[in-house]
Structures are given as C-alpha cells and as structure tokens.
Amino acid sequence: VGSAVGSARLPAPPAQVGLLLAADVAYQREGRGLSALCSTVRRLAAGGGALLLAHKCRHPELDAALLQQMRDEGSMALEEVPRSHHHPDFRSLSIRLYIGSPVAGVSGAAATPP
C-alpha cells in the first residue's frame, strides 16, 4: 500500500475475501503508511476475511504501533504464531508471523508486541 494510492481510490473488493496475505508491509520507524495499510485491510476483510501477516521487527515503536493500529484502524486482532510452528529453514528471531481475525470493536487485548 503506497501513500500515492489511498484505499478510497481502489476498486470495490469482491463480495468476500477469505484470506489476505501480507509480508514486509511496515518498515518505516515513524509508521508512515500504517493508516493506509490498516484501512485497506479493514476494507478488504470487511466480509469476514482473515489476515496472515509476516513482519520483520526493525523498530520496537513500529512493532507496537502496527499491532495497535491494526486493531484500532484495521479492525483486525493479531495473534502471533509461535516460532515453533514456523518452518525450520525459515525460522528467524526477527520475523514474526501473525494470524489476524476481524474484531467488531476495539475492546479486548491485541497481541503483545515483541
């Protein structure tokens, strides 16, 4: 999701998206682009779709913001996949995998940042 293309300008999503895949979509320390990412996820997952997100931890403040904004703005609660479930050839201390599920509101706890 680039800042040049806002989610409001994207075509209408299909009636239902079952699974969204995203990798390496948040990397700037100041979180530039997170709001656009979250609104796009919310829009595409509006029919109840899930999210599989691979995130490389680079900046603790960005990692925390990603989890919180995805919940608050993306309406997606992220749960970290334990490293023991990652493929052993690709397991990394800096890579986190999350399963996101839609939330009706913003109550409840999001995943704990690394």
Protein backbone atom coordinates (compact mmCIF):
# COMPACT_ATOMS: atom_id res chain seq x y z
CA VAL A 1 0.00 0.00 0.00
CA GLY A 2 1.70 3.15 -1.14
CA SER A 3 0.93 6.63 0.07
CA ALA A 4 0.24 7.69 -3.53
CA VAL A 5 -2.75 5.34 -3.75
CA GLY A 6 -5.30 5.76 -0.99
CA SER A 7 -7.69 2.89 -0.27
CA ALA A 8 -10.61 5.17 -1.19
CA ARG A 9 -9.36 5.13 -4.79
CA LEU A 10 -9.12 1.34 -5.02
CA PRO A 11 -11.82 -0.58 -6.87
CA ALA A 12 -14.51 -2.25 -4.81
CA PRO A 13 -13.34 -5.56 -3.32
CA PRO A 14 -15.08 -8.81 -4.21
CA ALA A 15 -18.08 -9.72 -2.08
CA GLN A 16 -15.82 -11.67 0.28
CA VAL A 17 -12.08 -12.06 0.62
CA GLY A 18 -11.29 -15.23 2.57
CA LEU A 19 -7.60 -14.65 3.27
CA LEU A 20 -5.31 -11.64 2.93
CA LEU A 21 -1.57 -12.27 2.71
CA ALA A 22 0.88 -9.51 3.62
CA ALA A 23 4.65 -9.52 4.14
CA ASP A 24 7.14 -6.75 4.85
CA VAL A 25 4.47 -4.06 4.59
CA ALA A 26 5.53 -1.97 7.63
CA TYR A 27 9.15 -0.96 7.97
CA GLN A 28 9.50 2.81 8.47
CA ARG A 29 10.32 3.77 12.06
CA GLU A 30 7.74 6.58 12.14
CA GLY A 31 4.98 4.26 10.86
CA ARG A 32 4.36 6.14 7.63
CA GLY A 33 1.77 4.23 5.65
CA LEU A 34 0.29 2.29 8.60
CA SER A 35 -3.05 4.08 8.44
CA ALA A 36 -3.37 3.36 4.71
CA LEU A 37 -2.42 -0.29 5.30
CA CYS A 38 -4.96 -0.64 8.10
CA SER A 39 -7.80 0.95 6.15
CA THR A 40 -7.04 -1.29 3.16
CA VAL A 41 -7.05 -4.40 5.37
CA ARG A 42 -10.32 -3.30 7.00
CA ARG A 43 -11.91 -2.70 3.60
CA LEU A 44 -10.77 -5.99 2.06
CA ALA A 45 -11.59 -8.08 5.14
CA ALA A 46 -15.00 -6.46 5.69
CA GLY A 47 -16.75 -9.69 4.70
CA GLY A 48 -15.01 -11.62 7.50
CA GLY A 49 -11.67 -12.42 5.86
CA ALA A 50 -8.59 -13.39 7.86
CA LEU A 51 -5.06 -11.98 7.58
CA LEU A 52 -1.73 -13.79 7.50
CA LEU A 53 0.99 -11.23 8.16
CA ALA A 54 4.77 -11.72 8.11
CA HIS A 55 6.54 -8.82 9.83
CA LYS A 56 10.27 -8.23 10.25
CA CYS A 57 10.89 -6.46 13.56
CA ARG A 58 13.11 -3.45 12.95
CA HIS A 59 11.90 -0.76 15.36
CA PRO A 60 10.12 -1.55 18.68
CA GLU A 61 7.92 1.56 18.37
CA LEU A 62 6.79 0.49 14.88
CA ASP A 63 6.12 -3.08 16.03
CA ALA A 64 3.86 -1.85 18.84
CA ALA A 65 2.13 0.68 16.56
CA LEU A 66 1.45 -1.99 13.94
CA LEU A 67 -0.34 -4.22 16.43
CA GLN A 68 -2.35 -1.38 17.96
CA GLN A 69 -3.29 0.36 14.71
CA MET A 70 -4.22 -2.90 13.02
CA ARG A 71 -6.69 -3.47 15.84
CA ASP A 72 -7.98 0.11 16.14
CA GLU A 73 -7.97 1.18 12.48
CA GLY A 74 -7.86 -2.15 10.66
CA SER A 75 -10.44 -3.90 12.87
CA MET A 76 -8.09 -6.89 12.91
CA ALA A 77 -6.85 -8.59 16.09
CA LEU A 78 -3.40 -10.08 15.54
CA GLU A 79 -2.26 -13.23 17.30
CA GLU A 80 1.38 -14.22 16.99
CA VAL A 81 2.12 -17.66 15.56
CA PRO A 82 4.63 -19.39 17.87
CA ARG A 83 8.09 -19.76 16.31
CA SER A 84 7.87 -23.50 16.87
CA HIS A 85 5.20 -23.51 14.12
CA HIS A 86 7.43 -21.68 11.60
CA HIS A 87 9.21 -23.79 9.01
CA PRO A 88 12.67 -24.61 10.48
CA ASP A 89 14.50 -23.50 7.32
CA PHE A 90 12.96 -20.03 7.55
CA ARG A 91 12.64 -19.50 11.30
CA SER A 92 14.17 -16.18 12.39
CA LEU A 93 14.34 -14.21 15.63
CA SER A 94 13.49 -11.02 13.74
CA ILE A 95 10.47 -12.35 11.82
CA ARG A 96 7.05 -12.53 13.42
CA LEU A 97 4.06 -14.26 11.84
CA TYR A 98 0.58 -13.17 12.83
CA ILE A 99 -2.89 -14.52 12.17
CA GLY A 100 -5.40 -11.69 12.09
CA SER A 101 -9.08 -12.13 12.74
CA PRO A 102 -11.75 -9.44 12.39
CA VAL A 103 -12.99 -7.72 15.53
CA ALA A 104 -16.34 -6.00 15.85
CA GLY A 105 -14.95 -3.17 18.03
CA VAL A 106 -11.73 -2.10 19.65
CA SER A 107 -12.28 -3.72 23.05
CA GLY A 108 -10.04 -6.54 24.22
CA ALA A 109 -6.31 -7.01 24.10
CA ALA A 110 -4.22 -7.13 20.97
CA ALA A 111 -1.15 -9.33 20.62
CA THR A 112 1.74 -8.31 22.80
CA PRO A 113 4.48 -6.57 20.83
CA PRO A 114 7.85 -8.36 20.67
